[in-house]
């Protein structure tokens, strides 16, 4: 979660004044500060290749772009979005919601409104397909390879390694063909170091460990009743995507190595998903050219199993808005006499006081705290 003050979190559950701002930029320079809008929302989704997306509505048709350099045109123009709180003394505390490349403005030229969509800057890496076969050869570590591939597209991009110990393991040699997806290559390298990468609210490419719902730090409590922010909650339990064995395999012709594989199974006698128990036998297969040894495959299988056996309990929560939440955050829902930890799978943050704030959570682990 973006770092906010205790006063900010306290104010979310009380009467307060929200503020939101959208500024337009082109080629790194501001072109239209404090763009007037009537509606909008930012969605953060862990399941999307572009982690953050923006929808915006502007009443005035004069903002509809005509020229390539107009503030809301689609030739590299960006919108920087934030939302926060204005306290009773007039002071404001604002958190960033992201930097978005404008993709598609549309509207009636006489009456408006202008509506547009935008996506976070993974989109630039996705668009920049490899023009020639490209290899990780020559890069010592996984972070070095990721940095090089990202900065070949966005030379000024900020890459932040937030993994435990800021690890940077040796990167195996792998090659991607011409026209292959550059972002897929980047995410494969991150997966090879048991991590993930995404663009955060501050427009940084962040490499981080996969979140641990059981042992991770709770970012925010959502509770019902007086002083709480919980409005409603629904819950679904499913077998979908819950596996109790993972087979990891690697085959790398670029490195000249033989095919390798390893398997990891849930063997805990107390686990409801234990292999061969009442749950049955459900196998998931994963592969990467970056796993060139049995040890690398075993580490990948073990790491993937941790997520594969997590309960698929999807909870949708309506809450008073907290714009500081990130897609990897762990929250604790306190309702109907229970405390459960969840991973934030997606969150939609409205840019107006009347918009709806929605959380989709996954995992679900009872918390004794």
Protein backbone atom coordinates (compact mmCIF):
# COMPACT_ATOMS: atom_id res chain seq x y z
CA UNK A 1 0.00 0.00 0.00
CA UNK A 2 1.20 3.49 -0.77
CA UNK A 3 2.51 5.08 2.41
CA UNK A 4 -0.11 7.33 3.99
CA UNK A 5 -0.48 8.83 7.45
CA UNK A 6 -2.57 7.35 10.25
CA UNK A 7 -4.77 10.43 9.97
CA UNK A 8 -5.50 9.52 6.34
CA UNK A 9 -6.66 5.99 7.20
CA UNK A 10 -8.71 7.28 10.13
CA UNK A 11 -10.40 9.89 7.96
CA UNK A 12 -11.55 7.25 5.46
CA UNK A 13 -14.11 5.99 7.99
CA UNK A 14 -15.40 9.47 8.87
CA UNK A 15 -16.92 12.37 7.03
CA UNK A 16 -14.26 13.95 4.82
CA UNK A 17 -13.76 15.83 1.59
CA UNK A 18 -12.17 13.88 -1.26
CA UNK A 19 -9.97 15.49 -3.88
CA UNK A 20 -8.91 14.08 -7.23
CA UNK A 21 -6.69 15.47 -9.95
CA UNK A 22 -5.80 14.60 -13.55
CA UNK A 23 -2.88 16.33 -15.29
CA UNK A 24 -1.99 15.90 -18.98
CA UNK A 25 1.59 15.54 -20.22
CA UNK A 26 3.22 15.26 -23.62
CA UNK A 27 6.87 14.36 -24.18
CA UNK A 28 7.47 14.77 -20.45
CA UNK A 29 6.12 18.34 -20.28
CA UNK A 30 2.80 19.39 -18.66
CA UNK A 31 0.21 20.52 -21.20
CA UNK A 32 -3.06 20.67 -19.31
CA UNK A 33 -2.93 20.84 -15.51
CA UNK A 34 -5.99 19.94 -13.44
CA UNK A 35 -8.09 18.66 -16.32
CA UNK A 36 -11.82 19.18 -15.54
CA UNK A 37 -13.69 15.86 -15.55
CA UNK A 38 -17.14 14.69 -14.52
CA UNK A 39 -16.51 11.00 -13.92
CA UNK A 40 -13.74 8.45 -13.95
CA UNK A 41 -12.10 5.52 -12.24
CA UNK A 42 -8.77 3.74 -11.96
CA UNK A 43 -8.73 -0.06 -11.85
CA UNK A 44 -5.76 -2.03 -10.52
CA UNK A 45 -5.87 -5.68 -11.62
CA UNK A 46 -3.22 -8.31 -10.83
CA UNK A 47 -4.61 -10.53 -13.60
CA UNK A 48 -4.07 -7.99 -16.38
CA UNK A 49 -0.84 -7.56 -18.38
CA UNK A 50 -1.24 -3.82 -17.85
CA UNK A 51 -1.73 -3.57 -14.09
CA UNK A 52 -3.56 -0.24 -14.08
CA UNK A 53 -6.27 1.16 -16.36
CA UNK A 54 -8.12 4.48 -16.49
CA UNK A 55 -11.56 5.52 -17.71
CA UNK A 56 -12.40 9.22 -17.79
CA UNK A 57 -15.34 11.40 -18.84
CA UNK A 58 -14.99 15.10 -19.70
CA UNK A 59 -18.14 17.11 -20.35
CA UNK A 60 -16.67 19.84 -22.57
CA UNK A 61 -16.34 18.75 -26.26
CA UNK A 62 -13.57 21.30 -26.77
CA UNK A 63 -11.19 18.80 -25.20
CA UNK A 64 -11.77 16.31 -28.02
CA UNK A 65 -8.41 16.08 -29.82
CA UNK A 66 -8.04 17.17 -33.45
CA UNK A 67 -4.30 17.70 -33.85
CA UNK A 68 -1.58 15.14 -33.07
CA UNK A 69 -0.15 17.39 -30.34
CA UNK A 70 -3.44 18.17 -28.59
CA UNK A 71 -3.36 17.32 -24.85
CA UNK A 72 -5.73 14.35 -25.17
CA UNK A 73 -4.45 12.90 -28.46
CA UNK A 74 -3.03 9.38 -28.75
CA UNK A 75 0.56 10.05 -29.85
CA UNK A 76 2.27 9.44 -26.54
CA UNK A 77 0.17 11.82 -24.45
CA UNK A 78 -0.16 10.74 -20.82
CA UNK A 79 -2.45 11.47 -17.88
CA UNK A 80 -1.16 11.51 -14.30
CA UNK A 81 -3.94 10.74 -11.83
CA UNK A 82 -4.20 11.13 -8.05
CA UNK A 83 -6.83 11.06 -5.33
CA UNK A 84 -6.78 12.02 -1.68
CA UNK A 85 -8.35 13.86 1.23
CA UNK A 86 -8.74 17.52 2.14
CA UNK A 87 -8.71 17.88 5.92
CA UNK A 88 -10.78 20.38 7.87
CA UNK A 89 -7.79 22.75 8.15
CA UNK A 90 -7.50 22.90 4.35
CA UNK A 91 -4.42 20.69 4.11
CA UNK A 92 -4.48 17.91 1.52
CA UNK A 93 -2.98 14.42 1.55
CA UNK A 94 -2.93 12.94 -1.93
CA UNK A 95 -1.80 9.55 -3.23
CA UNK A 96 -0.85 8.73 -6.84
CA UNK A 97 -3.09 6.39 -8.80
CA UNK A 98 -0.89 6.02 -11.86
CA UNK A 99 0.45 7.39 -15.12
CA UNK A 100 -1.62 6.37 -18.13
CA UNK A 101 -0.98 6.48 -21.86
CA UNK A 102 -4.10 7.75 -23.61
CA UNK A 103 -5.50 5.10 -25.92
CA UNK A 104 -8.88 6.13 -27.30
CA UNK A 105 -10.65 9.48 -26.81
CA UNK A 106 -14.09 9.73 -28.40
CA UNK A 107 -17.14 12.00 -28.24
CA UNK A 108 -19.68 14.12 -30.10
CA UNK A 109 -17.87 17.15 -31.51
CA UNK A 110 -20.76 19.50 -30.64
CA UNK A 111 -22.27 18.22 -27.41
CA UNK A 112 -19.68 15.89 -25.90
CA UNK A 113 -18.93 14.34 -23.55
CA UNK A 114 -15.40 13.20 -24.29
CA UNK A 115 -14.66 9.73 -22.96
CA UNK A 116 -11.25 8.14 -22.99
CA UNK A 117 -9.31 5.15 -21.75
CA UNK A 118 -5.71 4.78 -20.70
CA UNK A 119 -3.31 2.08 -19.53
CA UNK A 120 -0.18 1.98 -17.40
CA UNK A 121 3.17 1.83 -19.12
CA UNK A 122 3.50 -1.92 -19.46
CA UNK A 123 1.61 -1.13 -22.67
CA UNK A 124 4.71 0.49 -24.19
CA UNK A 125 6.76 -2.67 -23.59
CA UNK A 126 3.95 -4.85 -24.98
CA UNK A 127 3.78 -2.76 -28.16
CA UNK A 128 7.54 -2.93 -28.75
CA UNK A 129 7.82 -6.45 -30.14
CA UNK A 130 11.30 -7.82 -30.73
CA UNK A 131 12.39 -6.85 -34.24
CA UNK A 132 15.17 -9.45 -34.31
CA UNK A 133 15.86 -12.58 -32.25
CA UNK A 134 16.85 -11.37 -28.79
CA UNK A 135 18.80 -13.18 -26.09
CA UNK A 136 19.63 -12.74 -22.42
CA UNK A 137 23.22 -13.69 -23.18
CA UNK A 138 25.67 -11.23 -21.63
CA UNK A 139 23.47 -10.17 -18.73
CA UNK A 140 24.78 -11.52 -15.44
CA UNK A 141 21.61 -11.35 -13.36
CA UNK A 142 17.86 -11.52 -13.92
CA UNK A 143 17.37 -7.92 -12.79
CA UNK A 144 20.09 -6.79 -15.21
CA UNK A 145 18.29 -8.54 -18.09
CA UNK A 146 14.91 -7.09 -17.09
CA UNK A 147 16.39 -3.60 -16.84
CA UNK A 148 17.98 -3.87 -20.28
CA UNK A 149 14.83 -5.13 -21.99
CA UNK A 150 12.65 -2.43 -20.42
CA UNK A 151 15.06 0.43 -21.08
CA UNK A 152 15.50 -0.56 -24.72
CA UNK A 153 11.91 0.67 -25.02
CA UNK A 154 11.76 3.32 -22.27
CA UNK A 155 15.32 4.59 -21.66
CA UNK A 156 14.34 6.77 -18.69
CA UNK A 157 12.25 4.16 -16.90
CA UNK A 158 12.78 3.51 -13.20
CA UNK A 159 13.22 -0.16 -12.23
CA UNK A 160 12.97 -0.96 -8.52
CA UNK A 161 13.97 -4.33 -7.07
CA UNK A 162 11.90 -4.91 -3.92
CA UNK A 163 12.51 -8.66 -3.60
CA UNK A 164 13.76 -10.00 -0.29
CA UNK A 165 17.47 -9.20 -0.07
CA UNK A 166 17.12 -7.36 -3.41
CA UNK A 167 18.20 -10.61 -5.00
CA UNK A 168 19.54 -10.74 -8.54
CA UNK A 169 20.16 -14.41 -9.40
CA UNK A 170 22.09 -15.50 -12.46
CA UNK A 171 19.96 -15.32 -15.58
CA UNK A 172 20.00 -18.38 -17.81
CA UNK A 173 20.50 -17.81 -21.52
CA UNK A 174 17.23 -17.74 -23.43
CA UNK A 175 16.30 -16.43 -26.87
CA UNK A 176 13.03 -14.96 -28.13
CA UNK A 177 12.19 -14.87 -31.83
CA UNK A 178 11.51 -11.75 -33.86
CA UNK A 179 7.98 -10.42 -33.24
CA UNK A 180 7.82 -12.08 -29.81
CA UNK A 181 6.20 -10.11 -26.99
CA UNK A 182 8.85 -8.15 -25.09
CA UNK A 183 6.70 -7.89 -21.94
CA UNK A 184 6.17 -11.64 -21.91
CA UNK A 185 9.95 -12.04 -21.94
CA UNK A 186 10.29 -9.60 -19.04
CA UNK A 187 7.67 -11.38 -16.95
CA UNK A 188 9.25 -14.78 -17.73
CA UNK A 189 12.59 -13.55 -16.40
CA UNK A 190 10.88 -12.25 -13.27
CA UNK A 191 9.14 -15.62 -12.81
CA UNK A 192 12.51 -17.37 -13.14
CA UNK A 193 13.63 -15.49 -10.02
CA UNK A 194 10.34 -16.35 -8.25
CA UNK A 195 9.09 -12.79 -8.53
CA UNK A 196 6.68 -10.66 -10.52
CA UNK A 197 6.95 -7.27 -12.20
CA UNK A 198 4.39 -4.53 -12.79
CA UNK A 199 4.11 -0.75 -13.09
CA UNK A 200 3.04 0.87 -9.81
CA UNK A 201 1.16 4.07 -9.01
CA UNK A 202 4.40 6.07 -9.18
CA UNK A 203 5.10 4.87 -12.74
CA UNK A 204 7.96 2.60 -11.62
CA UNK A 205 8.63 -0.91 -12.90
CA UNK A 206 8.61 -2.83 -9.62
CA UNK A 207 10.08 -6.32 -9.20
CA UNK A 208 8.69 -7.93 -6.08
CA UNK A 209 8.15 -11.24 -4.37
CA UNK A 210 4.78 -12.87 -4.78
CA UNK A 211 2.58 -11.89 -1.83
CA UNK A 212 2.22 -14.32 1.08
CA UNK A 213 -1.34 -14.12 2.42
CA UNK A 214 -0.53 -16.38 5.39
CA UNK A 215 2.59 -14.64 6.70
CA UNK A 216 2.61 -11.24 5.01
CA UNK A 217 1.94 -7.93 6.70
CA UNK A 218 -1.67 -6.76 6.68
CA UNK A 219 -1.89 -3.41 4.89
CA UNK A 220 -5.43 -2.46 5.92
CA UNK A 221 -8.27 -3.70 8.12
CA UNK A 222 -11.76 -3.51 6.65
CA UNK A 223 -14.27 -3.85 9.47
CA UNK A 224 -18.02 -3.53 9.82
CA UNK A 225 -19.71 -1.35 12.41
CA UNK A 226 -18.89 2.01 13.91
CA UNK A 227 -15.51 3.33 12.81
CA UNK A 228 -15.24 0.67 10.11
CA UNK A 229 -15.27 1.00 6.33
CA UNK A 230 -17.01 -2.25 5.31
CA UNK A 231 -20.35 -1.76 3.56
CA UNK A 232 -21.12 -5.22 2.17
CA UNK A 233 -19.40 -8.54 1.46
CA UNK A 234 -20.11 -11.61 -0.69
CA UNK A 235 -18.12 -14.85 -0.78
CA UNK A 236 -17.58 -17.66 -3.31
CA UNK A 237 -15.56 -20.86 -2.81
CA UNK A 238 -14.34 -22.75 -5.90
CA UNK A 239 -12.08 -25.64 -6.94
CA UNK A 240 -11.05 -23.75 -10.08
CA UNK A 241 -7.27 -23.25 -10.37
CA UNK A 242 -6.56 -25.04 -7.06
CA UNK A 243 -3.92 -27.71 -7.78
CA UNK A 244 -1.98 -30.01 -5.45
CA UNK A 245 0.94 -30.85 -7.74
CA UNK A 246 3.09 -28.70 -10.01
CA UNK A 247 5.36 -30.01 -12.75
CA UNK A 248 8.00 -27.49 -13.87
CA UNK A 249 9.96 -28.18 -17.05
CA UNK A 250 12.66 -26.38 -18.96
CA UNK A 251 14.11 -26.84 -22.42
CA UNK A 252 16.64 -24.35 -23.70
CA UNK A 253 18.12 -24.84 -27.14
CA UNK A 254 19.96 -21.51 -26.92
CA UNK A 255 21.97 -22.75 -23.96
CA UNK A 256 22.43 -26.21 -25.49
CA UNK A 257 21.11 -27.86 -22.34
CA UNK A 258 19.09 -31.07 -22.14
CA UNK A 259 15.40 -30.92 -21.12
CA UNK A 260 14.92 -30.92 -17.35
CA UNK A 261 11.91 -31.16 -15.04
CA UNK A 262 10.84 -31.47 -11.43
CA UNK A 263 7.61 -31.99 -9.52
CA UNK A 264 6.31 -30.63 -6.24
CA UNK A 265 3.30 -32.10 -4.43
CA UNK A 266 1.21 -31.10 -1.44
CA UNK A 267 2.11 -33.88 1.00
CA UNK A 268 1.03 -32.28 4.26
CA UNK A 269 -1.19 -34.71 6.17
CA UNK A 270 -3.23 -31.82 7.58
CA UNK A 271 -3.80 -30.07 4.24
CA UNK A 272 -7.30 -30.25 2.72
CA UNK A 273 -5.64 -30.39 -0.72
CA UNK A 274 -3.05 -33.07 0.07
CA UNK A 275 -2.05 -35.22 -2.90
CA UNK A 276 -4.10 -38.44 -2.96
CA UNK A 277 -6.49 -37.28 -0.24
CA UNK A 278 -10.22 -36.57 -0.57
CA UNK A 279 -9.48 -33.57 -2.83
CA UNK A 280 -7.99 -35.88 -5.46
CA UNK A 281 -5.01 -35.39 -7.74
CA UNK A 282 -4.88 -32.12 -9.68
CA UNK A 283 -1.70 -31.25 -11.57
CA UNK A 284 -0.55 -27.93 -12.99
CA UNK A 285 2.25 -27.71 -15.56
CA UNK A 286 4.57 -24.75 -16.01
CA UNK A 287 7.59 -24.27 -18.25
CA UNK A 288 10.32 -21.78 -19.04
CA UNK A 289 13.43 -21.76 -21.20
CA UNK A 290 15.11 -20.00 -18.28
CA UNK A 291 15.02 -23.14 -16.11
CA UNK A 292 18.06 -25.05 -17.27
CA UNK A 293 18.73 -27.32 -14.27
CA UNK A 294 16.69 -29.73 -12.17
CA UNK A 295 17.35 -27.48 -9.19
CA UNK A 296 15.89 -24.47 -10.99
CA UNK A 297 12.82 -26.49 -11.98
CA UNK A 298 12.41 -27.75 -8.41
CA UNK A 299 12.61 -24.24 -6.99
CA UNK A 300 10.03 -23.04 -9.52
CA UNK A 301 7.70 -25.98 -8.79
CA UNK A 302 7.96 -25.49 -5.03
CA UNK A 303 7.28 -21.79 -5.36
CA UNK A 304 4.33 -22.31 -7.72
CA UNK A 305 2.81 -24.96 -5.44
CA UNK A 306 2.56 -22.43 -2.61
CA UNK A 307 0.19 -20.38 -4.77
CA UNK A 308 -1.49 -23.37 -6.42
CA UNK A 309 -2.85 -24.82 -3.17
CA UNK A 310 -4.13 -21.47 -1.89
CA UNK A 311 -7.90 -21.56 -1.37
CA UNK A 312 -9.83 -20.12 -4.29
CA UNK A 313 -12.17 -18.08 -2.15
CA UNK A 314 -13.21 -14.99 -4.03
CA UNK A 315 -14.68 -12.24 -1.94
CA UNK A 316 -16.21 -9.07 -3.33
CA UNK A 317 -16.32 -6.20 -0.90
CA UNK A 318 -17.95 -2.81 -1.06
CA UNK A 319 -16.09 -0.42 1.19
CA UNK A 320 -15.46 3.23 1.74
CA UNK A 321 -12.69 4.08 -0.76
CA UNK A 322 -9.01 3.72 0.08
CA UNK A 323 -7.02 4.99 -2.94
CA UNK A 324 -3.71 3.92 -1.37
CA UNK A 325 -4.35 0.19 -1.94
CA UNK A 326 -2.16 -1.73 -4.40
CA UNK A 327 -2.87 -4.98 -6.21
CA UNK A 328 -0.45 -6.97 -4.07
CA UNK A 329 -1.75 -5.78 -0.72
CA UNK A 330 -3.03 -8.09 2.00
CA UNK A 331 -6.13 -6.88 3.78
CA UNK A 332 -8.01 -8.26 6.77
CA UNK A 333 -11.80 -8.34 6.56
CA UNK A 334 -13.55 -8.35 9.94
CA UNK A 335 -17.23 -9.23 9.71
CA UNK A 336 -19.87 -11.70 10.96
CA UNK A 337 -17.61 -12.51 13.89
CA UNK A 338 -14.71 -13.66 11.68
CA UNK A 339 -11.32 -12.30 10.69
CA UNK A 340 -9.95 -13.37 7.33
CA UNK A 341 -6.83 -12.36 5.40
CA UNK A 342 -7.15 -11.82 1.65
CA UNK A 343 -4.99 -10.76 -1.26
CA UNK A 344 -6.25 -7.78 -3.25
CA UNK A 345 -6.79 -9.20 -6.73
CA UNK A 346 -8.36 -6.07 -8.18
CA UNK A 347 -9.55 -2.71 -6.92
CA UNK A 348 -11.47 0.06 -8.65
CA UNK A 349 -10.97 3.56 -7.26
CA UNK A 350 -13.50 6.20 -8.33
CA UNK A 351 -12.37 9.74 -9.09
CA UNK A 352 -15.62 11.28 -7.87
CA UNK A 353 -17.32 11.24 -4.49
CA UNK A 354 -20.35 9.40 -5.88
CA UNK A 355 -18.44 6.64 -7.70
CA UNK A 356 -18.36 3.09 -6.36
CA UNK A 357 -15.26 1.53 -4.80
CA UNK A 358 -15.02 -2.22 -5.35
CA UNK A 359 -12.53 -4.82 -4.16
CA UNK A 360 -12.12 -8.35 -5.48
CA UNK A 361 -10.11 -10.50 -3.09
CA UNK A 362 -8.66 -13.98 -3.32
CA UNK A 363 -7.05 -16.48 -1.00
CA UNK A 364 -8.88 -16.35 2.26
CA UNK A 365 -7.02 -17.41 5.41
CA UNK A 366 -8.54 -17.18 8.86
CA UNK A 367 -6.60 -14.81 11.06
CA UNK A 368 -6.35 -15.45 14.78
CA UNK A 369 -4.96 -11.97 15.46
